[in-house]
Amino acid sequence: MKIRNILLLFALVSVFACKPELDDFTTTNGDADFTKYVAIGNSLTAGYTDGDLFKSGQENSYPSMLAYQMEAAGGGEFKQPLMLDEFGFGKRLLLDVSRPGPVPAGGTPNPENYNPIGDQGPFNNMGVPGAKCFHLIAPNYGIDPENGNPYFYRFASNPSATVLDDAAAQQATFFSCWIGNNDVLTYALSGGTKDAVTDIATFEGAMDLILGTMTANEAKGVVANIPDISNIPYFSAIPFNGLELRQGQADTLNGAYYQIGNAIGYTYPFTFVKGFNPFLVSDADSPLPSPFNVRQIQQGETILLPALPYIQLAGMGTLDLSGDNAMPYGIPDSLYLSSIEMSDIQNAIIGYNTKLEFFKDKYDLALMDAHEIFLDFAADGFEYEGIIYTNDFLQIPEDDPDRDKKVTAFSSDGVHMTAQGYALVANFFIDAINDKYKAQLKPVNPNLYPGLYYFQ
C-alpha cells in the first residue's frame, strides 16, 4: 500500500518558491558540546504519531531533527531503535477521503518489530512511548512485552536495565529531557476512570534523580516542562456547548425529557434552546440510576475525542433513539473529564512545572517552556514562511478566513504531532538551547516535512 501526504507537494512548492533567508547562517555550538547527544522522554520524544510508532515517524522525531542541526556544530552520530516498516505494532491510523475520521491503516507489521534489538545499541533516542517519569528509573521496565513496556523491551540493553541506566551509560555531552506528560495524560485519556495522576513527591524524586544522573559528568542539556492538556485536539476538538440545534430540534428534546421526567417522577433542571447547547453527560453523583443520571456538561469540563463518532452517529449527548422508547444518552464518565478531574490534572501540571523550574536552575539547564508555548499555539498557531500551524483536529474550520494558509500540526490520533509539528517542537528546543548556551543552531523548516497521511 502506498501512503501519500496531500500537504507535501504544497509544502515543497512553497519552500522552493521562497528565497532562502538563511544562506549565510553560521552554526556554532556556543558553550555547549554536542559531540554525544542523548534524548530521553516518552512517545513525543520517540516520534510516535498517528497512533503508533513506525519507521518514518521515528526518522522524523524532533530529537532526530535536533541531532541533524547539531551535526554542523560538532554533533556526532544519532542512532534510533527504528521499526522495520510503516506499520509498527499494527495500531497506525490513516485518513480516508471517503470517511469522516481516521481509520486503521491495516497491513501486517513485520514480526521482527516485536523482537528485542538491544544488542544493536546503544541508542541515542531513549524515548519510550507510555513512560511516566518514574518509569525511567524502574528496573525491569523492559523485561518483556507483557510485564514491562513493549517499546523499551525492544531496545533495552538487558531485561533488568532502566531507561536511565542505558541513557547515562552513553556519557552524553548534551541531552534533552521531556518527560512527565504521561503522568497526567494516561489518567486524562481514560476520562479519570483508570490509572492515577502521579503525586508531586514522586515526580520530584524521579526528576531529581534523572537530571542529576544525566549531568553527573558535567553534561549540559535542555529540559521541557508540561503543557496544558486542554491545548491538544484530543481534549479540545469537541466544545462543551457544541450541540447546535434548530428550534424544532430543541422543542423535541425538551418534550422528550419532560415525558421521561414524568415517567420517573423527576424534573430535569435543564432546557434546550435554539443555537448552541451543552451536551449531556452521565454523572455518577446524580440521585438517578443509569441511564437517567444525565446533566449538562459545564464550561471547564472536557469531552474526549473518542466520543465524536458516537455524538455524530448515535446521538450520544442527547437521546438514545435505538429502542422503542427514547432514553437519556449521556456521554459516559470514561469519555469526559469532570471539573474535579480537570482540577486535579491542572494542579498536578502546575506542581510539576514548578519543580522543573527549580531543577532547571539547580542543574543549570536550558528550559523549553512547552506550557507557555502551547498556550500560544492554541490561541494563534505558529507561522513559518507563510504557513500557519494550528492545533485543530484534522481540518481547519470552513469559516476560518485564513483557512487556505493553515495546517494542523497534530496527527490523526489527536495527541501526537505530525512530522511538521515535531519540526516546530525541534525549533522550540533550538530556541531554548541557543538562548541558554549562546549557540547558533539553525532552525528546522517544518514545511519540508509531511503532515497528515492519507490512504492511496
Protein backbone atom coordinates (compact mmCIF):
# COMPACT_ATOMS: atom_id res chain seq x y z
CA MET A 1 0.00 0.00 0.00
CA LYS A 2 1.28 3.45 -0.88
CA ILE A 3 0.85 6.27 1.57
CA ARG A 4 0.91 9.85 0.43
CA ASN A 5 0.73 13.21 2.07
CA ILE A 6 -1.53 15.74 0.46
CA LEU A 7 0.37 18.57 2.07
CA LEU A 8 3.86 17.58 0.98
CA LEU A 9 3.66 18.82 -2.61
CA PHE A 10 2.23 22.13 -1.48
CA ALA A 11 4.93 22.42 1.18
CA LEU A 12 7.71 21.77 -1.31
CA VAL A 13 6.31 24.25 -3.81
CA SER A 14 6.04 26.93 -1.14
CA VAL A 15 9.60 26.31 0.01
CA PHE A 16 11.22 26.44 -3.40
CA ALA A 17 9.14 29.47 -4.36
CA CYS A 18 10.64 31.43 -1.49
CA LYS A 19 14.06 32.96 -1.49
CA PRO A 20 16.20 31.31 1.22
CA GLU A 21 16.80 33.61 4.14
CA LEU A 22 19.48 31.63 5.95
CA ASP A 23 22.14 31.13 3.23
CA ASP A 24 24.76 32.90 5.31
CA PHE A 25 23.83 31.23 8.59
CA THR A 26 26.87 30.12 10.61
CA THR A 27 26.22 27.27 13.02
CA THR A 28 28.14 27.36 16.31
CA ASN A 29 27.90 25.33 19.49
CA GLY A 30 28.45 28.24 21.90
CA ASP A 31 29.02 26.93 25.42
CA ALA A 32 27.51 23.53 24.63
CA ASP A 33 29.20 20.35 23.42
CA PHE A 34 27.02 18.37 21.02
CA THR A 35 29.52 15.56 20.42
CA LYS A 36 27.28 12.98 22.09
CA TYR A 37 23.58 13.89 22.19
CA VAL A 38 21.09 11.66 24.02
CA ALA A 39 17.34 12.30 24.18
CA ILE A 40 15.21 10.89 26.99
CA GLY A 41 11.44 11.06 27.18
CA ASN A 42 8.22 9.34 26.15
CA SER A 43 6.24 8.94 22.91
CA LEU A 44 6.73 12.59 21.95
CA THR A 45 10.49 12.03 22.01
CA ALA A 46 10.26 8.69 20.21
CA GLY A 47 8.44 10.17 17.19
CA TYR A 48 5.10 8.49 17.85
CA THR A 49 2.37 9.73 15.52
CA ASP A 50 -0.97 8.58 14.08
CA GLY A 51 -1.48 6.21 16.99
CA ASP A 52 1.71 4.17 16.59
CA LEU A 53 5.48 4.14 16.34
CA PHE A 54 6.70 3.38 12.82
CA LYS A 55 9.89 3.89 10.87
CA SER A 56 9.30 7.19 9.06
CA GLY A 57 7.70 8.67 12.17
CA GLN A 58 10.83 7.85 14.16
CA GLU A 59 13.04 9.25 11.42
CA ASN A 60 11.06 12.49 11.73
CA SER A 61 11.25 12.66 15.53
CA TYR A 62 12.25 16.02 16.98
CA PRO A 63 15.45 14.57 18.54
CA SER A 64 16.48 13.31 15.10
CA MET A 65 15.92 16.81 13.70
CA LEU A 66 17.89 18.34 16.58
CA ALA A 67 20.75 15.92 16.04
CA TYR A 68 20.87 16.82 12.36
CA GLN A 69 21.14 20.51 13.18
CA MET A 70 23.79 19.73 15.80
CA GLU A 71 25.98 17.96 13.23
CA ALA A 72 27.13 21.30 11.84
CA ALA A 73 28.20 22.28 15.36
CA GLY A 74 30.24 19.17 16.14
CA GLY A 75 27.41 16.72 16.80
CA GLY A 76 28.04 13.02 16.22
CA GLU A 77 26.00 10.01 15.14
CA PHE A 78 22.42 9.81 16.37
CA LYS A 79 21.08 6.28 16.45
CA GLN A 80 17.42 5.35 16.94
CA PRO A 81 15.75 1.97 17.61
CA LEU A 82 13.86 2.04 14.33
CA MET A 83 10.89 -0.11 13.46
CA LEU A 84 11.33 -2.03 10.23
CA ASP A 85 8.26 -0.76 8.40
CA GLU A 86 5.43 1.77 8.34
CA PHE A 87 3.06 -0.36 10.46
CA GLY A 88 4.91 -0.51 13.78
CA PHE A 89 2.84 -2.57 16.22
CA GLY A 90 -0.20 -2.53 13.93
CA LYS A 91 -2.07 0.35 15.55
CA ARG A 92 -1.40 3.05 12.97
CA LEU A 93 -4.22 5.30 11.79
CA LEU A 94 -4.67 6.88 8.36
CA LEU A 95 -7.21 9.19 6.80
CA ASP A 96 -9.57 8.18 4.03
CA VAL A 97 -11.17 10.87 1.88
CA SER A 98 -14.39 8.81 1.76
CA ARG A 99 -14.75 8.68 5.55
CA PRO A 100 -15.10 11.42 8.19
CA GLY A 101 -12.31 10.36 10.54
CA PRO A 102 -9.17 8.25 10.93
CA VAL A 103 -9.33 4.52 10.29
CA PRO A 104 -6.86 1.66 10.91
CA ALA A 105 -4.10 1.54 8.33
CA GLY A 106 -4.35 -2.22 8.08
CA GLY A 107 -1.40 -4.15 6.75
CA THR A 108 0.69 -6.72 8.57
CA PRO A 109 3.56 -5.42 10.70
CA ASN A 110 6.93 -7.06 10.26
CA PRO A 111 7.13 -9.71 13.02
CA GLU A 112 10.65 -8.54 13.81
CA ASN A 113 9.20 -5.25 15.07
CA TYR A 114 8.35 -7.17 18.24
CA ASN A 115 11.82 -8.66 18.73
CA PRO A 116 14.49 -7.23 21.07
CA ILE A 117 17.29 -5.28 19.37
CA GLY A 118 19.23 -4.18 22.44
CA ASP A 119 22.40 -5.80 21.10
CA GLN A 120 22.34 -3.25 18.26
CA GLY A 121 22.58 -0.31 20.67
CA PRO A 122 23.27 1.90 22.40
CA PHE A 123 20.57 4.20 21.06
CA ASN A 124 20.71 7.98 21.34
CA ASN A 125 16.94 8.32 21.21
CA MET A 126 15.72 6.91 24.53
CA GLY A 127 12.11 8.00 24.05
CA VAL A 128 9.76 5.30 25.35
CA PRO A 129 6.06 5.57 24.46
CA GLY A 130 3.86 5.27 27.53
CA ALA A 131 6.61 6.09 30.01
CA LYS A 132 5.96 8.21 33.08
CA CYS A 133 8.79 9.96 34.90
CA PHE A 134 9.28 7.17 37.46
CA HIS A 135 9.28 4.52 34.75
CA LEU A 136 12.64 5.84 33.55
CA ILE A 137 14.23 4.72 36.82
CA ALA A 138 12.25 1.47 37.25
CA PRO A 139 14.18 -1.84 36.95
CA ASN A 140 12.64 -4.48 34.70
CA TYR A 141 10.66 -1.88 32.74
CA GLY A 142 11.81 -3.70 29.60
CA ILE A 143 11.72 -7.22 30.98
CA ASP A 144 9.11 -8.47 28.49
CA PRO A 145 6.17 -7.07 26.48
CA GLU A 146 3.53 -8.24 28.97
CA ASN A 147 5.11 -7.23 32.28
CA GLY A 148 7.18 -4.30 31.08
CA ASN A 149 6.95 -1.74 28.33
CA PRO A 150 6.89 -3.36 24.85
CA TYR A 151 8.74 -0.43 23.29
CA PHE A 152 11.57 -0.43 25.83
CA TYR A 153 11.66 -4.23 25.64
CA ARG A 154 12.74 -3.80 22.03
CA PHE A 155 15.85 -1.77 22.75
CA ALA A 156 16.79 -2.21 26.42
CA SER A 157 20.42 -3.26 26.81
CA ASN A 158 19.27 -6.07 29.09
CA PRO A 159 15.92 -7.06 30.70
CA SER A 160 16.74 -5.53 34.10
CA ALA A 161 18.19 -2.25 32.79
CA THR A 162 16.43 1.02 33.46
CA VAL A 163 15.89 3.64 30.77
CA LEU A 164 18.09 5.98 32.79
CA ASP A 165 20.83 3.34 33.07
CA ASP A 166 21.02 2.96 29.31
CA ALA A 167 20.88 6.71 28.73
CA ALA A 168 23.54 7.54 31.33
CA ALA A 169 25.88 4.76 30.17
CA GLN A 170 26.40 6.66 26.93
CA GLN A 171 28.11 9.53 28.75
CA ALA A 172 26.27 12.21 26.83
CA THR A 173 27.87 15.61 26.43
CA PHE A 174 24.42 17.07 25.79
CA PHE A 175 20.93 15.75 26.49
CA SER A 176 17.29 16.70 26.16
CA CYS A 177 14.61 15.58 28.59
CA TRP A 178 10.86 15.83 28.05
CA ILE A 179 9.07 13.53 30.47
CA GLY A 180 6.05 13.94 32.71
CA ASN A 181 3.26 14.32 30.16
CA ASN A 182 2.05 10.76 30.74
CA ASP A 183 1.98 11.35 34.49
CA VAL A 184 -1.29 13.17 33.90
CA LEU A 185 -2.14 12.06 30.36
CA THR A 186 -2.89 8.38 30.95
CA TYR A 187 -5.38 9.35 33.65
CA ALA A 188 -6.87 12.03 31.41
CA LEU A 189 -7.17 9.72 28.39
CA SER A 190 -9.37 7.39 30.44
CA GLY A 191 -11.69 10.19 31.50
CA GLY A 192 -10.30 9.81 35.01
CA THR A 193 -11.55 6.22 35.29
CA LYS A 194 -8.17 4.45 35.15
CA ASP A 195 -4.66 4.95 36.47
CA ALA A 196 -3.87 7.95 38.67
CA VAL A 197 -2.12 11.28 38.44
CA THR A 198 1.46 10.97 39.68
CA ASP A 199 1.86 12.73 43.02
CA ILE A 200 4.24 15.68 43.22
CA ALA A 201 6.67 13.99 45.63
CA THR A 202 7.13 11.02 43.27
CA PHE A 203 7.60 13.35 40.31
CA GLU A 204 10.14 15.44 42.23
CA GLY A 205 12.17 12.43 43.33
CA ALA A 206 12.25 10.88 39.87
CA MET A 207 13.18 14.11 38.08
CA ASP A 208 15.92 14.92 40.59
CA LEU A 209 17.49 11.51 40.01
CA ILE A 210 17.11 11.70 36.21
CA LEU A 211 18.59 15.18 35.82
CA GLY A 212 21.23 14.63 38.49
CA THR A 213 22.39 11.45 36.76
CA MET A 214 22.45 12.97 33.27
CA THR A 215 24.51 15.96 34.44
CA ALA A 216 26.89 13.94 36.65
CA ASN A 217 29.63 14.10 34.01
CA GLU A 218 29.07 17.86 33.58
CA ALA A 219 26.90 17.36 30.52
CA LYS A 220 24.75 20.28 29.52
CA GLY A 221 21.17 19.92 28.44
CA VAL A 222 17.64 21.17 27.96
CA VAL A 223 14.54 20.14 29.87
CA ALA A 224 10.97 20.76 28.74
CA ASN A 225 8.02 21.33 31.01
CA ILE A 226 4.47 20.02 30.72
CA PRO A 227 1.80 21.66 28.51
CA ASP A 228 -1.84 22.04 29.47
CA ILE A 229 -3.75 19.04 28.08
CA SER A 230 -6.56 21.40 27.09
CA ASN A 231 -4.39 22.62 24.23
CA ILE A 232 -4.27 19.35 22.31
CA PRO A 233 -7.08 18.18 20.00
CA TYR A 234 -7.94 15.06 21.98
CA PHE A 235 -9.29 17.35 24.69
CA SER A 236 -10.24 20.43 22.69
CA ALA A 237 -11.84 19.18 19.46
CA ILE A 238 -15.36 18.92 20.94
CA PRO A 239 -16.58 22.12 22.62
CA PHE A 240 -18.67 21.60 25.73
CA ASN A 241 -21.51 23.57 24.09
CA GLY A 242 -21.11 22.05 20.65
CA LEU A 243 -24.67 20.76 20.44
CA GLU A 244 -26.16 23.04 17.77
CA LEU A 245 -29.96 22.83 17.47
CA ARG A 246 -32.71 24.29 15.36
CA GLN A 247 -35.81 25.44 17.23
CA GLY A 248 -37.75 22.33 16.26
CA GLN A 249 -34.96 20.06 17.48
CA ALA A 250 -34.78 21.91 20.79
CA ASP A 251 -38.54 21.59 21.22
CA THR A 252 -38.37 17.85 20.50
CA LEU A 253 -35.65 17.27 23.08
CA ASN A 254 -37.46 19.35 25.70
CA GLY A 255 -40.62 17.36 25.10
CA ALA A 256 -38.79 14.05 25.34
CA TYR A 257 -37.12 14.92 28.64
CA TYR A 258 -40.42 16.22 30.03
CA GLN A 259 -42.01 12.84 29.29
CA ILE A 260 -39.05 10.90 30.67
CA GLY A 261 -39.13 13.01 33.83
CA ASN A 262 -42.87 12.42 34.27
CA ALA A 263 -42.35 8.69 33.95
CA ILE A 264 -39.71 8.56 36.70
CA GLY A 265 -41.03 11.35 38.90
CA TYR A 266 -38.18 13.75 38.28
CA THR A 267 -37.85 17.20 36.73
CA TYR A 268 -34.63 17.63 34.75
CA PRO A 269 -33.05 21.02 35.59
CA PHE A 270 -32.13 21.93 32.02
CA THR A 271 -33.77 23.00 28.80
CA PHE A 272 -32.57 23.04 25.22
CA VAL A 273 -32.62 26.22 23.15
CA LYS A 274 -32.11 27.19 19.55
CA GLY A 275 -28.40 27.58 18.85
CA PHE A 276 -25.53 26.07 20.83
CA ASN A 277 -26.21 23.92 23.89
CA PRO A 278 -24.05 21.93 26.31
CA PHE A 279 -24.01 18.18 25.69
CA LEU A 280 -25.47 15.84 28.28
CA VAL A 281 -23.15 13.67 30.37
CA SER A 282 -23.79 10.81 32.76
CA ASP A 283 -22.99 11.74 36.35
CA ALA A 284 -22.34 9.04 38.94
CA ASP A 285 -23.17 11.54 41.70
CA SER A 286 -26.70 12.01 40.40
CA PRO A 287 -29.51 10.62 42.57
CA LEU A 288 -30.89 8.87 39.50
CA PRO A 289 -29.82 5.44 38.22
CA SER A 290 -28.31 4.97 34.77
CA PRO A 291 -29.32 5.92 32.08
CA PHE A 292 -31.43 8.64 33.70
CA ASN A 293 -28.49 10.23 35.57
CA VAL A 294 -27.75 12.93 32.99
CA ARG A 295 -26.88 16.60 33.32
CA GLN A 296 -25.50 19.28 31.04
CA ILE A 297 -21.73 19.40 30.91
CA GLN A 298 -20.27 22.57 32.40
CA GLN A 299 -17.78 25.00 30.96
CA GLY A 300 -14.33 23.91 32.10
CA GLU A 301 -15.20 20.24 31.78
CA THR A 302 -13.83 18.36 28.79
CA ILE A 303 -15.25 15.89 26.27
CA LEU A 304 -12.71 13.42 24.91
CA LEU A 305 -12.15 12.93 21.19
CA PRO A 306 -13.35 9.27 21.04
CA ALA A 307 -16.86 10.50 21.87
CA LEU A 308 -17.08 12.26 18.49
CA PRO A 309 -18.35 9.38 16.30
CA TYR A 310 -20.95 8.41 18.92
CA ILE A 311 -22.16 12.01 19.07
CA GLN A 312 -22.34 12.26 15.29
CA LEU A 313 -23.84 8.84 14.53
CA ALA A 314 -25.69 7.61 17.62
CA GLY A 315 -26.99 10.69 19.41
CA MET A 316 -24.66 10.46 22.39
CA GLY A 317 -25.02 13.61 24.47
CA THR A 318 -28.76 13.91 23.77
CA LEU A 319 -31.15 10.95 23.34
CA ASP A 320 -30.84 7.26 22.58
CA LEU A 321 -33.40 6.51 19.88
CA SER A 322 -32.31 2.94 19.18
CA GLY A 323 -35.07 1.30 21.24
CA ASP A 324 -38.84 1.51 21.29
CA ASN A 325 -38.76 4.50 23.65
CA ALA A 326 -36.40 7.46 23.68
CA MET A 327 -34.00 7.25 26.60
CA PRO A 328 -31.38 9.64 28.03
CA TYR A 329 -27.99 9.15 26.42
CA GLY A 330 -25.32 10.93 28.40
CA ILE A 331 -21.66 10.90 27.47
CA PRO A 332 -20.20 8.27 29.84
CA ASP A 333 -17.67 9.01 32.56
CA SER A 334 -14.86 7.42 30.54
CA LEU A 335 -15.36 9.94 27.72
CA TYR A 336 -15.31 13.21 29.62
CA LEU A 337 -13.39 14.89 32.43
CA SER A 338 -15.37 16.49 35.22
CA SER A 339 -14.42 19.78 36.81
CA ILE A 340 -12.88 17.92 39.76
CA GLU A 341 -10.83 15.69 37.47
CA MET A 342 -9.69 18.66 35.41
CA SER A 343 -8.70 20.48 38.60
CA ASP A 344 -6.62 17.50 39.75
CA ILE A 345 -4.85 17.42 36.38
CA GLN A 346 -4.23 21.16 36.24
CA ASN A 347 -2.91 21.27 39.81
CA ALA A 348 -0.51 18.43 39.04
CA ILE A 349 0.80 20.19 35.92
CA ILE A 350 1.36 23.39 37.90
CA GLY A 351 3.20 21.38 40.54
CA TYR A 352 5.34 19.53 38.00
CA ASN A 353 6.30 22.73 36.23
CA THR A 354 7.21 24.44 39.50
CA LYS A 355 9.60 21.57 40.24
CA LEU A 356 11.03 21.65 36.71
CA GLU A 357 11.70 25.38 37.05
CA PHE A 358 13.63 24.61 40.25
CA PHE A 359 15.59 21.76 38.64
CA LYS A 360 16.38 23.91 35.61
CA ASP A 361 18.21 26.28 37.96
CA LYS A 362 19.65 23.54 40.19
CA TYR A 363 21.30 21.75 37.27
CA ASP A 364 21.90 24.87 35.15
CA LEU A 365 19.87 23.68 32.18
CA ALA A 366 18.01 25.34 29.35
CA LEU A 367 14.21 25.24 29.64
CA MET A 368 11.85 24.68 26.74
CA ASP A 369 8.67 26.25 28.14
CA ALA A 370 6.17 23.92 26.47
CA HIS A 371 3.40 25.08 28.78
CA GLU A 372 3.60 28.69 27.63
CA ILE A 373 4.37 27.80 24.02
CA PHE A 374 1.35 25.54 23.66
CA LEU A 375 -0.89 28.20 25.15
CA ASP A 376 0.25 30.45 22.29
CA PHE A 377 -0.18 27.55 19.89
CA ALA A 378 -3.82 27.13 20.89
CA ALA A 379 -4.51 30.86 20.70
CA ASP A 380 -2.86 31.88 17.44
CA GLY A 381 -0.94 28.97 15.93
CA PHE A 382 2.63 29.32 14.69
CA GLU A 383 3.56 30.76 11.31
CA TYR A 384 6.54 29.63 9.29
CA GLU A 385 7.16 31.00 5.79
CA GLY A 386 3.52 31.72 5.12
CA ILE A 387 2.07 28.54 6.62
CA ILE A 388 0.19 28.81 9.93
CA TYR A 389 0.32 25.62 12.02
CA THR A 390 -2.59 25.14 14.41
CA ASN A 391 -3.93 22.70 17.00
CA ASP A 392 -7.10 21.97 15.01
CA PHE A 393 -8.13 18.34 14.65
CA LEU A 394 -7.68 17.02 11.10
CA GLN A 395 -9.06 20.00 9.20
CA ILE A 396 -9.34 23.74 9.52
CA PRO A 397 -12.91 25.02 10.05
CA GLU A 398 -14.52 26.12 6.79
CA ASP A 399 -15.49 29.50 8.19
CA ASP A 400 -11.90 30.37 9.15
CA PRO A 401 -10.86 33.35 6.96
CA ASP A 402 -7.24 32.10 6.92
CA ARG A 403 -8.18 28.51 6.11
CA ASP A 404 -6.18 28.38 2.89
CA LYS A 405 -2.88 29.00 4.65
CA LYS A 406 -3.49 26.96 7.80
CA VAL A 407 -2.38 23.39 8.50
CA THR A 408 -2.91 21.32 11.63
CA ALA A 409 0.28 20.30 13.43
CA PHE A 410 -1.39 17.33 15.14
CA SER A 411 -1.74 13.82 13.78
CA SER A 412 -4.85 11.70 13.42
CA ASP A 413 -4.64 10.38 16.99
CA GLY A 414 -5.32 13.88 18.37
CA VAL A 415 -2.47 13.68 20.90
CA HIS A 416 0.79 13.40 19.00
CA MET A 417 2.10 15.73 16.34
CA THR A 418 2.74 15.28 12.65
CA ALA A 419 6.30 15.47 11.39
CA GLN A 420 5.62 19.14 10.67
CA GLY A 421 4.52 19.57 14.28
CA TYR A 422 7.63 17.84 15.56
CA ALA A 423 9.71 20.18 13.41
CA LEU A 424 8.11 23.08 15.27
CA VAL A 425 8.94 21.34 18.56
CA ALA A 426 12.55 20.95 17.41
CA ASN A 427 12.64 24.71 16.85
CA PHE A 428 11.25 25.36 20.32
CA PHE A 429 14.13 23.30 21.72
CA ILE A 430 16.62 25.06 19.44
CA ASP A 431 15.45 28.45 20.66
CA ALA A 432 15.94 27.37 24.28
CA ILE A 433 19.38 25.89 23.55
CA ASN A 434 20.58 28.91 21.59
CA ASP A 435 19.38 31.29 24.29
CA LYS A 436 20.95 29.41 27.20
CA TYR A 437 24.25 28.32 25.66
CA LYS A 438 24.87 31.19 23.22
CA ALA A 439 24.83 28.63 20.43
CA GLN A 440 23.62 29.16 16.88
CA LEU A 441 21.76 26.07 15.78
CA LYS A 442 19.88 26.56 12.55
CA PRO A 443 16.08 26.27 12.79
CA VAL A 444 14.25 23.43 11.11
CA ASN A 445 11.90 24.18 8.20
CA PRO A 446 8.62 22.41 9.07
CA ASN A 447 7.33 22.98 5.52
CA LEU A 448 9.80 20.34 4.32
CA TYR A 449 8.21 17.59 6.40
CA PRO A 450 4.99 15.60 5.89
CA GLY A 451 1.75 16.41 7.63
CA LEU A 452 -1.38 14.26 7.69
CA TYR A 453 -1.23 10.94 5.85
CA TYR A 454 -3.99 9.58 3.61
CA PHE A 455 -4.64 6.22 2.02
CA GLN A 456 -3.90 5.90 -1.66
